[in-house]
Amino acid sequence: MTTTVEQRSIRRVVVLADVAGVALATVVVLLGVTVWADIVSTYDSWPQWLLFGALATVGQLAFVKVRHGATDEELTFFEVVLAAAVFTLHPVAALTVTLVGMLLGELIIRREPIKLAYNLGMYAAGTSAMIITYRVLFPNDSASAFSLHSVLSLVTSSIVFTMVNLVILARLMHVTMGLP
């Protein structure tokens, strides 16, 4: 049972995650309509968006349970779909379809509202940071999308995604379990 103080601390972390997610998503959208407006992908059409959205939903529902300590952690396949979307779609489309797919997956499994808000904020922040990093490192120049440069940019941006999510998760673990 959590105390009122712990609940307020958890809510602060959720608000922090949501504010970070909205702020970074706003940067992606603003860059998407200005700096990245000329990015063209052969996968940017509504059937592909629906496909990626459906894959993101399924990716959020399909998971592997990993036991650590007395708890189980569910590792989803969402990140695989996210990497493919960042790799192939326009930045705004990649952000939108993956987050909508994730939201649908969370609603299907009837996630608690506070956990849903936390997950959306955390993934919006991580996904946006990943997209920004990928597009800074690989600005859609004349190189092939499957070039070494692009793949290394995707790996680097995936590490940034993980770092953002781990920082937010560390903050949550600090307020809930007192871990440094």
C-alpha atoms as a PDB file:
ATOM      1  CA  MET A   1       0.000   0.000   0.000  1.00  0.00           C
ATOM      2  CA  THR A   2       1.403   3.382  -0.941  1.00  0.00           C
ATOM      3  CA  THR A   3       1.150   6.417   1.252  1.00  0.00           C
ATOM      4  CA  THR A   4      -0.198   9.763   0.155  1.00  0.00           C
ATOM      5  CA  VAL A   5       3.348  11.134   0.005  1.00  0.00           C
ATOM      6  CA  GLU A   6       4.458   8.234  -2.229  1.00  0.00           C
ATOM      7  CA  GLN A   7       1.419   8.724  -4.469  1.00  0.00           C
ATOM      8  CA  ARG A   8       2.250  12.410  -4.883  1.00  0.00           C
ATOM      9  CA  SER A   9       5.867  11.535  -5.667  1.00  0.00           C
ATOM     10  CA  ILE A  10       4.741   8.992  -8.267  1.00  0.00           C
ATOM     11  CA  ARG A  11       2.383  11.545  -9.803  1.00  0.00           C
ATOM     12  CA  ARG A  12       5.255  14.046 -10.033  1.00  0.00           C
ATOM     13  CA  VAL A  13       7.343  11.508 -11.945  1.00  0.00           C
ATOM     14  CA  VAL A  14       4.395  10.796 -14.270  1.00  0.00           C
ATOM     15  CA  VAL A  15       3.925  14.524 -14.879  1.00  0.00           C
ATOM     16  CA  LEU A  16       7.673  14.864 -15.534  1.00  0.00           C
ATOM     17  CA  ALA A  17       7.543  12.008 -18.058  1.00  0.00           C
ATOM     18  CA  ASP A  18       4.467  13.489 -19.746  1.00  0.00           C
ATOM     19  CA  VAL A  19       5.930  17.004 -19.929  1.00  0.00           C
ATOM     20  CA  ALA A  20       9.182  15.638 -21.358  1.00  0.00           C
ATOM     21  CA  GLY A  21       7.217  13.544 -23.859  1.00  0.00           C
ATOM     22  CA  VAL A  22       5.052  16.464 -25.000  1.00  0.00           C
ATOM     23  CA  ALA A  23       8.046  18.826 -25.226  1.00  0.00           C
ATOM     24  CA  LEU A  24      10.185  16.443 -27.272  1.00  0.00           C
ATOM     25  CA  ALA A  25       7.238  15.389 -29.470  1.00  0.00           C
ATOM     26  CA  THR A  26       6.591  19.072 -30.174  1.00  0.00           C
ATOM     27  CA  VAL A  27      10.210  19.458 -31.294  1.00  0.00           C
ATOM     28  CA  VAL A  28       9.800  16.472 -33.655  1.00  0.00           C
ATOM     29  CA  VAL A  29       6.604  17.924 -35.141  1.00  0.00           C
ATOM     30  CA  LEU A  30       8.118  21.398 -35.549  1.00  0.00           C
ATOM     31  CA  LEU A  31      11.247  19.982 -37.192  1.00  0.00           C
ATOM     32  CA  GLY A  32       9.059  17.644 -39.246  1.00  0.00           C
ATOM     33  CA  VAL A  33       7.149  20.483 -40.862  1.00  0.00           C
ATOM     34  CA  THR A  34      10.207  22.701 -41.342  1.00  0.00           C
ATOM     35  CA  VAL A  35      13.689  21.169 -41.487  1.00  0.00           C
ATOM     36  CA  TRP A  36      12.528  17.647 -42.353  1.00  0.00           C
ATOM     37  CA  ALA A  37       9.619  18.670 -44.600  1.00  0.00           C
ATOM     38  CA  ASP A  38      11.427  17.438 -47.716  1.00  0.00           C
ATOM     39  CA  ILE A  39      12.076  13.915 -46.374  1.00  0.00           C
ATOM     40  CA  VAL A  40      10.359  11.486 -48.690  1.00  0.00           C
ATOM     41  CA  SER A  41       9.898   7.809 -47.994  1.00  0.00           C
ATOM     42  CA  THR A  42       8.398   5.185 -50.241  1.00  0.00           C
ATOM     43  CA  TYR A  43       6.615   3.907 -47.123  1.00  0.00           C
ATOM     44  CA  ASP A  44       4.790   7.139 -46.303  1.00  0.00           C
ATOM     45  CA  SER A  45       1.188   6.456 -47.210  1.00  0.00           C
ATOM     46  CA  TRP A  46      -1.839   5.605 -45.141  1.00  0.00           C
ATOM     47  CA  PRO A  47      -1.703   1.815 -45.736  1.00  0.00           C
ATOM     48  CA  GLN A  48       1.852   1.719 -44.394  1.00  0.00           C
ATOM     49  CA  TRP A  49       0.885   3.962 -41.474  1.00  0.00           C
ATOM     50  CA  LEU A  50      -1.955   1.579 -40.626  1.00  0.00           C
ATOM     51  CA  LEU A  51       0.433  -1.355 -40.887  1.00  0.00           C
ATOM     52  CA  PHE A  52       2.982   0.254 -38.561  1.00  0.00           C
ATOM     53  CA  GLY A  53       0.211   1.287 -36.154  1.00  0.00           C
ATOM     54  CA  ALA A  54      -1.113  -2.277 -36.091  1.00  0.00           C
ATOM     55  CA  LEU A  55       2.395  -3.656 -35.627  1.00  0.00           C
ATOM     56  CA  ALA A  56       3.022  -1.211 -32.771  1.00  0.00           C
ATOM     57  CA  THR A  57      -0.209  -2.347 -31.120  1.00  0.00           C
ATOM     58  CA  VAL A  58       0.719  -6.014 -31.486  1.00  0.00           C
ATOM     59  CA  GLY A  59       4.262  -5.200 -30.376  1.00  0.00           C
ATOM     60  CA  GLN A  60       2.849  -3.705 -27.193  1.00  0.00           C
ATOM     61  CA  LEU A  61       0.693  -6.792 -26.584  1.00  0.00           C
ATOM     62  CA  ALA A  62       3.399  -9.384 -27.312  1.00  0.00           C
ATOM     63  CA  PHE A  63       5.862  -9.617 -24.457  1.00  0.00           C
ATOM     64  CA  VAL A  64       8.375 -11.791 -22.699  1.00  0.00           C
ATOM     65  CA  LYS A  65       8.277 -12.012 -18.902  1.00  0.00           C
ATOM     66  CA  VAL A  66      11.653 -11.490 -17.282  1.00  0.00           C
ATOM     67  CA  ARG A  67      11.915 -12.234 -13.592  1.00  0.00           C
ATOM     68  CA  HIS A  68      14.113 -10.027 -11.439  1.00  0.00           C
ATOM     69  CA  GLY A  69      13.942 -10.288  -7.694  1.00  0.00           C
ATOM     70  CA  ALA A  70      10.394 -10.794  -6.511  1.00  0.00           C
ATOM     71  CA  THR A  71       8.805  -9.175  -9.559  1.00  0.00           C
ATOM     72  CA  ASP A  72       8.269  -9.906 -13.224  1.00  0.00           C
ATOM     73  CA  GLU A  73       9.004  -7.357 -15.910  1.00  0.00           C
ATOM     74  CA  GLU A  74       7.206  -7.551 -19.245  1.00  0.00           C
ATOM     75  CA  LEU A  75       9.527  -6.732 -22.140  1.00  0.00           C
ATOM     76  CA  THR A  76       7.482  -5.930 -25.239  1.00  0.00           C
ATOM     77  CA  PHE A  77       8.368  -6.030 -28.911  1.00  0.00           C
ATOM     78  CA  PHE A  78       7.271  -2.416 -29.375  1.00  0.00           C
ATOM     79  CA  GLU A  79      10.861  -1.231 -29.722  1.00  0.00           C
ATOM     80  CA  VAL A  80      11.434  -3.453 -32.758  1.00  0.00           C
ATOM     81  CA  VAL A  81       8.491  -1.823 -34.542  1.00  0.00           C
ATOM     82  CA  LEU A  82       9.692   1.589 -33.408  1.00  0.00           C
ATOM     83  CA  ALA A  83      13.146   1.058 -34.913  1.00  0.00           C
ATOM     84  CA  ALA A  84      11.605  -0.029 -38.216  1.00  0.00           C
ATOM     85  CA  ALA A  85       9.279   2.986 -38.234  1.00  0.00           C
ATOM     86  CA  VAL A  86      12.097   5.455 -37.505  1.00  0.00           C
ATOM     87  CA  PHE A  87      14.168   3.779 -40.208  1.00  0.00           C
ATOM     88  CA  THR A  88      11.489   3.952 -42.915  1.00  0.00           C
ATOM     89  CA  LEU A  89       8.836   6.615 -42.185  1.00  0.00           C
ATOM     90  CA  HIS A  90       8.805  10.393 -42.118  1.00  0.00           C
ATOM     91  CA  PRO A  91       9.726  11.491 -38.559  1.00  0.00           C
ATOM     92  CA  VAL A  92       6.253  12.834 -37.695  1.00  0.00           C
ATOM     93  CA  ALA A  93       4.583   9.715 -39.097  1.00  0.00           C
ATOM     94  CA  ALA A  94       6.969   7.441 -37.170  1.00  0.00           C
ATOM     95  CA  LEU A  95       6.210   9.264 -33.927  1.00  0.00           C
ATOM     96  CA  THR A  96       2.462   9.375 -34.487  1.00  0.00           C
ATOM     97  CA  VAL A  97       1.790   5.822 -35.652  1.00  0.00           C
ATOM     98  CA  THR A  98       3.969   4.173 -33.023  1.00  0.00           C
ATOM     99  CA  LEU A  99       2.484   6.164 -30.147  1.00  0.00           C
ATOM    100  CA  VAL A 100      -1.078   5.613 -31.359  1.00  0.00           C
ATOM    101  CA  GLY A 101      -0.330   1.892 -31.720  1.00  0.00           C
ATOM    102  CA  MET A 102       1.159   1.818 -28.251  1.00  0.00           C
ATOM    103  CA  LEU A 103      -1.865   3.652 -26.824  1.00  0.00           C
ATOM    104  CA  LEU A 104      -4.224   1.141 -28.442  1.00  0.00           C
ATOM    105  CA  GLY A 105      -2.202  -1.731 -26.999  1.00  0.00           C
ATOM    106  CA  GLU A 106      -2.297  -0.161 -23.539  1.00  0.00           C
ATOM    107  CA  LEU A 107      -6.060   0.358 -23.796  1.00  0.00           C
ATOM    108  CA  ILE A 108      -6.611  -3.238 -24.948  1.00  0.00           C
ATOM    109  CA  ILE A 109      -4.800  -4.595 -21.898  1.00  0.00           C
ATOM    110  CA  ARG A 110      -6.658  -2.087 -19.704  1.00  0.00           C
ATOM    111  CA  ARG A 111      -3.603  -0.512 -18.177  1.00  0.00           C
ATOM    112  CA  GLU A 112      -4.207   1.570 -15.036  1.00  0.00           C
ATOM    113  CA  PRO A 113      -4.579   5.275 -15.932  1.00  0.00           C
ATOM    114  CA  ILE A 114      -1.476   6.357 -13.976  1.00  0.00           C
ATOM    115  CA  LYS A 115       0.630   3.611 -15.610  1.00  0.00           C
ATOM    116  CA  LEU A 116      -0.839   4.461 -19.022  1.00  0.00           C
ATOM    117  CA  ALA A 117       0.045   8.143 -18.585  1.00  0.00           C
ATOM    118  CA  TYR A 118       3.549   7.218 -17.414  1.00  0.00           C
ATOM    119  CA  ASN A 119       4.152   4.819 -20.315  1.00  0.00           C
ATOM    120  CA  LEU A 120       2.903   7.304 -22.917  1.00  0.00           C
ATOM    121  CA  GLY A 121       5.062  10.104 -21.538  1.00  0.00           C
ATOM    122  CA  MET A 122       8.135   7.931 -21.210  1.00  0.00           C
ATOM    123  CA  TYR A 123       7.769   6.421 -24.683  1.00  0.00           C
ATOM    124  CA  ALA A 124       6.934   9.781 -26.281  1.00  0.00           C
ATOM    125  CA  ALA A 125      10.088  11.254 -24.766  1.00  0.00           C
ATOM    126  CA  GLY A 126      12.268   8.292 -25.730  1.00  0.00           C
ATOM    127  CA  THR A 127      10.784   7.956 -29.220  1.00  0.00           C
ATOM    128  CA  SER A 128      11.149  11.668 -29.911  1.00  0.00           C
ATOM    129  CA  ALA A 129      14.756  11.670 -28.696  1.00  0.00           C
ATOM    130  CA  MET A 130      15.411   8.648 -30.913  1.00  0.00           C
ATOM    131  CA  ILE A 131      13.912  10.337 -33.977  1.00  0.00           C
ATOM    132  CA  ILE A 132      15.798  13.591 -33.384  1.00  0.00           C
ATOM    133  CA  THR A 133      19.087  11.737 -32.909  1.00  0.00           C
ATOM    134  CA  TYR A 134      18.553   9.587 -35.996  1.00  0.00           C
ATOM    135  CA  ARG A 135      17.722  12.583 -38.195  1.00  0.00           C
ATOM    136  CA  VAL A 136      20.636  14.633 -36.885  1.00  0.00           C
ATOM    137  CA  LEU A 137      23.054  11.771 -37.580  1.00  0.00           C
ATOM    138  CA  PHE A 138      21.389  10.698 -40.839  1.00  0.00           C
ATOM    139  CA  PRO A 139      19.677  13.752 -42.378  1.00  0.00           C
ATOM    140  CA  ASN A 140      18.323  11.839 -45.397  1.00  0.00           C
ATOM    141  CA  ASP A 141      21.222  12.700 -47.616  1.00  0.00           C
ATOM    142  CA  SER A 142      21.942  10.900 -50.851  1.00  0.00           C
ATOM    143  CA  ALA A 143      23.164   7.758 -49.076  1.00  0.00           C
ATOM    144  CA  SER A 144      21.022   4.665 -49.107  1.00  0.00           C
ATOM    145  CA  ALA A 145      18.619   4.130 -46.204  1.00  0.00           C
ATOM    146  CA  PHE A 146      20.351   0.781 -45.691  1.00  0.00           C
ATOM    147  CA  SER A 147      23.876   2.182 -45.709  1.00  0.00           C
ATOM    148  CA  LEU A 148      26.336   1.641 -42.877  1.00  0.00           C
ATOM    149  CA  HIS A 149      25.889   5.314 -41.939  1.00  0.00           C
ATOM    150  CA  SER A 150      22.119   4.888 -41.593  1.00  0.00           C
ATOM    151  CA  VAL A 151      22.361   1.659 -39.609  1.00  0.00           C
ATOM    152  CA  LEU A 152      24.936   3.136 -37.216  1.00  0.00           C
ATOM    153  CA  SER A 153      22.707   6.192 -36.832  1.00  0.00           C
ATOM    154  CA  LEU A 154      19.794   3.903 -35.954  1.00  0.00           C
ATOM    155  CA  VAL A 155      21.876   1.989 -33.408  1.00  0.00           C
ATOM    156  CA  THR A 156      23.041   5.247 -31.817  1.00  0.00           C
ATOM    157  CA  SER A 157      19.516   6.649 -31.717  1.00  0.00           C
ATOM    158  CA  SER A 158      18.264   3.401 -30.152  1.00  0.00           C
ATOM    159  CA  ILE A 159      20.831   3.846 -27.394  1.00  0.00           C
ATOM    160  CA  VAL A 160      19.536   7.393 -26.836  1.00  0.00           C
ATOM    161  CA  PHE A 161      15.965   6.003 -26.644  1.00  0.00           C
ATOM    162  CA  THR A 162      17.099   3.523 -23.998  1.00  0.00           C
ATOM    163  CA  MET A 163      18.981   6.176 -22.024  1.00  0.00           C
ATOM    164  CA  VAL A 164      15.975   8.521 -21.904  1.00  0.00           C
ATOM    165  CA  ASN A 165      13.696   5.705 -20.759  1.00  0.00           C
ATOM    166  CA  LEU A 166      16.200   4.512 -18.160  1.00  0.00           C
ATOM    167  CA  VAL A 167      16.574   8.004 -16.685  1.00  0.00           C
ATOM    168  CA  ILE A 168      12.796   8.341 -16.321  1.00  0.00           C
ATOM    169  CA  LEU A 169      12.517   4.801 -14.939  1.00  0.00           C
ATOM    170  CA  ALA A 170      15.353   5.481 -12.477  1.00  0.00           C
ATOM    171  CA  ARG A 171      13.459   8.494 -11.183  1.00  0.00           C
ATOM    172  CA  LEU A 172      10.352   6.350 -10.667  1.00  0.00           C
ATOM    173  CA  MET A 173      12.363   3.659  -8.887  1.00  0.00           C
ATOM    174  CA  HIS A 174      13.893   6.320  -6.669  1.00  0.00           C
ATOM    175  CA  VAL A 175      10.512   7.612  -5.465  1.00  0.00           C
ATOM    176  CA  THR A 176       8.897   4.172  -5.128  1.00  0.00           C
ATOM    177  CA  MET A 177      11.763   2.118  -3.717  1.00  0.00           C
ATOM    178  CA  GLY A 178      14.219   4.705  -2.452  1.00  0.00           C
ATOM    179  CA  LEU A 179      16.925   3.531  -4.827  1.00  0.00           C
ATOM    180  CA  PRO A 180      19.598   6.100  -5.699  1.00  0.00           C
END
